[in-house]
Amino acid sequence: MLIPLPGMNRKRALISDTFKVKKRRNGTEQFGVVCAGDGPKDIRSTLQYLMTLFPRKLFNDALPQIVLKHQLYSIHHDKTSVDKEVNKMREQAELLMFQLGFDSEAYGLIFASDFKAKVLAAEEGKGTRATVEKFLEKLLTSSCTDLSFSKDKMIRELLFTDSEITQLVKSGLLTVRDAGSWWLSIPNSGKFAKYFIQGRKAVLAMVKKSKYSEVLQAELEERRTTSHCEIPHEIPRPRYCWCRSGGEHTDNFRGIVAIC
């Protein structure tokens, strides 16, 4: 029999410590270089792993693998360390960062080698290829980490003509930011943005319809709605999930969303 100490609530004292043990959550496996107790420490390895989760077949393998920067934040809670490593890789011309446009805080990360390969493959046989190659040569240097370019920089510093700037816009490497400036962009990424927005809306709609606006991951995976959200069980979080309409065995995709 447990004897309560003076001043201790007797009811609480009679509760065995056995019943106070917290259950471990399933599905919390880590990847990358893991330091016990603190989660994955190798940001580069995490980034490489997340790249492999990108649904390339959905875009006919025409897009480079894209990771959203906030996915790294969800794994590595020290944002300063993430920013430091990402900036280091950008300065070494290993990684490119893009403002994706559909959200002011949505930044996409792409390995430079993958980006170059996809862009040049899309330019095969086109009259704009020479201009695109010139732009990539200047872009993939340690001195170029800009998210956007002003007309003054394009002409005076990077030595492009008005005609060449027009060709870069036509090729999808630049998109208008405002009068006289352009965002660095991912060619043919409109479909990705569209699917991402639709997928995020579908997931949020499921959450809002749930009691207390909360849904367990396992429950979300099992939901069957008009827009079915398919999340492969073998892939640990964070992941991309794509939303279909018309049932789980159709190819009528409604959207895609990164879950962190």
Protein backbone atom coordinates (compact mmCIF):
# COMPACT_ATOMS: atom_id res chain seq x y z
CA MET A 1 0.00 0.00 0.00
CA LEU A 2 1.25 3.48 -0.90
CA ILE A 3 1.49 5.89 2.04
CA PRO A 4 0.94 9.53 1.04
CA LEU A 5 3.42 12.11 2.24
CA PRO A 6 2.18 15.02 4.35
CA GLY A 7 0.37 17.57 2.18
CA MET A 8 0.11 15.21 -0.77
CA ASN A 9 -3.21 14.55 -2.38
CA ARG A 10 -4.06 10.98 -1.30
CA LYS A 11 -5.92 10.20 -4.51
CA ARG A 12 -2.91 11.18 -6.59
CA ALA A 13 -0.55 9.16 -4.39
CA LEU A 14 -2.56 6.00 -4.96
CA ILE A 15 -2.00 6.17 -8.72
CA SER A 16 0.80 3.86 -9.69
CA ASP A 17 3.59 5.29 -11.87
CA THR A 18 2.88 2.45 -14.27
CA PHE A 19 -0.19 4.29 -15.51
CA LYS A 20 1.75 7.52 -16.03
CA VAL A 21 4.09 6.14 -18.67
CA LYS A 22 3.49 7.85 -21.98
CA LYS A 23 3.02 5.68 -25.02
CA ARG A 24 5.49 6.07 -27.83
CA ARG A 25 4.10 7.32 -31.08
CA ASN A 26 4.37 5.10 -34.09
CA GLY A 27 5.79 6.26 -37.39
CA THR A 28 8.34 8.70 -35.96
CA GLU A 29 11.31 7.19 -37.78
CA GLN A 30 14.05 9.66 -38.61
CA PHE A 31 16.26 9.92 -41.65
CA GLY A 32 19.46 11.72 -42.49
CA VAL A 33 22.23 11.84 -39.91
CA VAL A 34 20.48 11.50 -36.59
CA CYS A 35 21.69 12.74 -33.23
CA ALA A 36 19.87 11.00 -30.39
CA GLY A 37 17.25 13.21 -28.82
CA ASP A 38 17.59 16.07 -31.26
CA GLY A 39 16.42 14.55 -34.56
CA PRO A 40 18.27 14.70 -37.89
CA LYS A 41 21.23 17.05 -38.01
CA ASP A 42 22.40 16.73 -41.61
CA ILE A 43 20.37 19.30 -43.54
CA ARG A 44 21.93 18.32 -46.85
CA SER A 45 20.92 14.66 -46.41
CA THR A 46 17.41 15.70 -45.44
CA LEU A 47 17.15 17.89 -48.53
CA GLN A 48 18.37 15.07 -50.76
CA TYR A 49 15.83 12.70 -49.24
CA LEU A 50 12.94 15.13 -49.64
CA MET A 51 13.84 15.55 -53.31
CA THR A 52 13.16 11.85 -53.86
CA LEU A 53 9.56 12.29 -52.63
CA PHE A 54 8.66 14.67 -55.45
CA PRO A 55 6.01 13.00 -57.71
CA ARG A 56 7.97 13.24 -60.97
CA LYS A 57 5.60 11.00 -62.94
CA LEU A 58 2.73 13.38 -62.26
CA PHE A 59 4.54 15.98 -64.37
CA ASN A 60 5.87 13.52 -66.97
CA ASP A 61 9.37 13.99 -65.51
CA ALA A 62 9.51 17.43 -67.13
CA LEU A 63 10.08 19.32 -63.87
CA PRO A 64 13.14 19.24 -61.62
CA GLN A 65 12.56 17.87 -58.12
CA ILE A 66 11.20 20.62 -55.87
CA VAL A 67 11.31 20.90 -52.09
CA LEU A 68 9.58 23.67 -50.18
CA LYS A 69 11.83 25.43 -47.70
CA HIS A 70 9.29 25.11 -44.90
CA GLN A 71 9.61 21.33 -45.16
CA LEU A 72 13.17 21.67 -43.85
CA TYR A 73 11.94 23.89 -41.03
CA SER A 74 9.48 21.20 -39.97
CA ILE A 75 12.32 18.70 -39.48
CA HIS A 76 15.13 20.96 -38.32
CA HIS A 77 13.57 23.29 -35.77
CA ASP A 78 16.63 25.57 -35.76
CA LYS A 79 15.69 27.86 -38.65
CA THR A 80 18.99 29.71 -38.39
CA SER A 81 20.92 26.50 -39.10
CA VAL A 82 18.65 25.68 -42.04
CA ASP A 83 19.05 29.16 -43.54
CA LYS A 84 22.81 29.02 -43.04
CA GLU A 85 23.19 25.66 -44.80
CA VAL A 86 20.78 26.57 -47.61
CA ASN A 87 22.60 29.87 -48.22
CA LYS A 88 25.94 28.07 -48.21
CA MET A 89 24.74 25.66 -50.88
CA ARG A 90 23.34 28.54 -52.92
CA GLU A 91 26.63 30.46 -52.71
CA GLN A 92 28.44 27.35 -53.95
CA ALA A 93 26.02 27.18 -56.91
CA GLU A 94 24.72 23.78 -55.77
CA LEU A 95 21.20 24.92 -54.93
CA LEU A 96 18.72 27.39 -56.40
CA MET A 97 15.86 29.06 -54.55
CA PHE A 98 12.65 30.37 -56.12
CA GLN A 99 9.72 32.49 -54.97
CA LEU A 100 6.87 30.24 -56.09
CA GLY A 101 4.30 33.02 -56.39
CA PHE A 102 1.21 31.43 -54.85
CA ASP A 103 2.28 32.41 -51.32
CA SER A 104 4.66 35.12 -50.12
CA GLU A 105 6.36 32.58 -47.83
CA ALA A 106 6.50 29.74 -50.38
CA TYR A 107 10.10 29.22 -51.44
CA GLY A 108 11.11 26.30 -53.64
CA LEU A 109 14.53 24.66 -53.53
CA ILE A 110 16.03 22.81 -56.51
CA PHE A 111 19.47 21.33 -57.05
CA ALA A 112 21.25 23.37 -59.72
CA SER A 113 22.34 20.33 -61.74
CA ASP A 114 18.77 19.00 -61.95
CA PHE A 115 17.42 22.43 -62.87
CA LYS A 116 19.97 22.88 -65.66
CA ALA A 117 19.30 19.41 -67.09
CA LYS A 118 15.53 19.91 -67.23
CA VAL A 119 15.74 23.41 -68.67
CA LEU A 120 18.15 22.42 -71.44
CA ALA A 121 16.10 19.33 -72.28
CA ALA A 122 13.03 21.55 -72.74
CA GLU A 123 15.03 23.93 -74.96
CA GLU A 124 16.24 21.24 -77.34
CA GLY A 125 15.79 22.44 -80.93
CA LYS A 126 14.42 25.87 -79.97
CA GLY A 127 15.77 29.20 -81.16
CA THR A 128 16.03 30.47 -77.59
CA ARG A 129 18.50 27.79 -76.48
CA ALA A 130 21.64 29.94 -76.93
CA THR A 131 20.20 32.71 -74.77
CA VAL A 132 19.08 30.19 -72.15
CA GLU A 133 22.55 28.61 -72.02
CA LYS A 134 24.08 32.07 -71.57
CA PHE A 135 21.70 32.83 -68.69
CA LEU A 136 22.34 29.47 -66.97
CA GLU A 137 26.10 30.01 -67.21
CA LYS A 138 25.77 33.32 -65.38
CA LEU A 139 23.12 32.03 -62.96
CA LEU A 140 25.06 28.97 -61.82
CA THR A 141 27.98 30.87 -60.35
CA SER A 142 28.81 31.55 -56.71
CA SER A 143 28.18 35.27 -57.21
CA CYS A 144 24.55 34.90 -58.34
CA THR A 145 22.05 34.10 -55.58
CA ASP A 146 19.30 36.52 -56.54
CA LEU A 147 15.61 35.61 -56.43
CA SER A 148 14.79 38.42 -58.86
CA PHE A 149 16.56 40.63 -61.39
CA SER A 150 16.13 44.28 -62.24
CA LYS A 151 16.38 45.47 -65.83
CA ASP A 152 19.44 47.50 -64.90
CA LYS A 153 21.24 44.40 -63.59
CA MET A 154 20.22 42.27 -66.55
CA ILE A 155 21.57 44.81 -69.04
CA ARG A 156 24.54 46.42 -67.27
CA GLU A 157 25.88 43.59 -65.12
CA LEU A 158 24.76 40.38 -66.84
CA LEU A 159 25.01 41.90 -70.32
CA PHE A 160 21.66 40.82 -71.77
CA THR A 161 19.81 42.77 -74.43
CA ASP A 162 16.11 43.61 -74.34
CA SER A 163 15.54 40.96 -77.00
CA GLU A 164 17.34 38.32 -74.93
CA ILE A 165 15.34 39.23 -71.81
CA THR A 166 12.17 38.70 -73.85
CA GLN A 167 13.46 35.27 -74.88
CA LEU A 168 14.12 34.33 -71.24
CA VAL A 169 10.57 35.35 -70.32
CA LYS A 170 9.27 33.29 -73.24
CA SER A 171 11.32 30.31 -72.05
CA GLY A 172 9.85 30.57 -68.56
CA LEU A 173 13.15 31.33 -66.78
CA LEU A 174 11.93 34.80 -65.88
CA THR A 175 8.45 35.92 -64.90
CA VAL A 176 7.33 39.51 -64.39
CA ARG A 177 7.60 40.78 -60.82
CA ASP A 178 6.73 44.40 -61.55
CA ALA A 179 7.66 47.06 -64.10
CA GLY A 180 11.34 46.61 -64.91
CA SER A 181 12.05 43.50 -62.81
CA TRP A 182 11.55 39.75 -63.04
CA TRP A 183 11.45 36.76 -60.70
CA LEU A 184 13.72 33.81 -61.40
CA SER A 185 11.23 31.07 -62.24
CA ILE A 186 10.89 27.37 -63.03
CA PRO A 187 9.78 26.70 -66.62
CA ASN A 188 6.48 24.80 -66.93
CA SER A 189 5.84 25.02 -63.17
CA GLY A 190 2.31 26.41 -63.55
CA LYS A 191 0.84 22.90 -63.32
CA PHE A 192 2.76 22.25 -60.09
CA ALA A 193 1.48 25.50 -58.52
CA LYS A 194 -2.08 24.72 -59.59
CA TYR A 195 -2.02 21.19 -58.17
CA PHE A 196 -0.32 22.33 -54.98
CA ILE A 197 -2.95 24.99 -54.27
CA GLN A 198 -5.83 22.60 -55.03
CA GLY A 199 -4.30 19.86 -52.90
CA ARG A 200 -3.74 22.16 -49.96
CA LYS A 201 -7.34 23.40 -50.15
CA ALA A 202 -8.61 19.81 -50.22
CA VAL A 203 -6.63 18.85 -47.12
CA LEU A 204 -7.62 22.01 -45.23
CA ALA A 205 -11.27 21.39 -46.10
CA MET A 206 -11.04 17.91 -44.56
CA VAL A 207 -9.46 19.35 -41.41
CA LYS A 208 -12.05 22.12 -41.05
CA LYS A 209 -14.92 19.66 -41.33
CA SER A 210 -13.49 17.54 -38.53
CA LYS A 211 -14.33 17.90 -34.85
CA TYR A 212 -12.16 20.58 -33.22
CA SER A 213 -10.55 21.10 -36.68
CA GLU A 214 -8.04 18.34 -35.94
CA VAL A 215 -7.31 15.16 -37.89
CA LEU A 216 -4.83 12.40 -37.08
CA GLN A 217 -2.45 11.55 -39.90
CA ALA A 218 -3.66 7.94 -40.02
CA GLU A 219 -7.27 9.12 -40.21
CA LEU A 220 -6.45 11.58 -42.97
CA GLU A 221 -4.87 8.78 -45.00
CA GLU A 222 -8.03 6.70 -44.71
CA ARG A 223 -10.50 9.46 -45.59
CA ARG A 224 -12.70 8.90 -48.63
CA THR A 225 -14.16 12.14 -49.94
CA THR A 226 -15.02 13.66 -53.30
CA SER A 227 -11.37 14.64 -53.54
CA HIS A 228 -9.55 11.55 -52.33
CA CYS A 229 -6.22 12.31 -50.72
CA GLU A 230 -3.73 9.54 -51.33
CA ILE A 231 -0.66 9.43 -49.09
CA PRO A 232 1.70 6.51 -49.66
CA HIS A 233 2.10 4.66 -46.34
CA GLU A 234 5.73 3.76 -46.92
CA ILE A 235 6.84 7.42 -47.08
CA PRO A 236 7.62 9.11 -43.72
CA ARG A 237 6.67 12.72 -43.06
CA PRO A 238 7.09 15.31 -44.41
CA ARG A 239 5.87 14.18 -47.79
CA TYR A 240 4.01 15.22 -50.86
CA CYS A 241 0.47 14.00 -51.13
CA TRP A 242 -1.64 14.21 -54.23
CA CYS A 243 -5.40 14.52 -54.33
CA ARG A 244 -7.56 12.74 -56.89
CA SER A 245 -11.19 13.00 -57.83
CA GLY A 246 -13.22 10.03 -59.05
CA GLY A 247 -11.81 7.37 -56.73
CA GLU A 248 -8.44 5.91 -55.88
CA HIS A 249 -7.94 4.02 -59.15
CA THR A 250 -8.33 6.96 -61.52
CA ASP A 251 -5.75 9.36 -62.91
CA ASN A 252 -7.93 12.45 -62.57
CA PHE A 253 -5.67 14.44 -60.24
CA ARG A 254 -7.14 17.33 -58.26
CA GLY A 255 -4.03 18.59 -56.54
CA ILE A 256 -0.79 18.08 -54.68
CA VAL A 257 0.31 19.25 -51.27
CA ALA A 258 3.40 18.99 -49.08
CA ILE A 259 2.51 17.70 -45.63
CA CYS A 260 4.92 18.53 -42.81
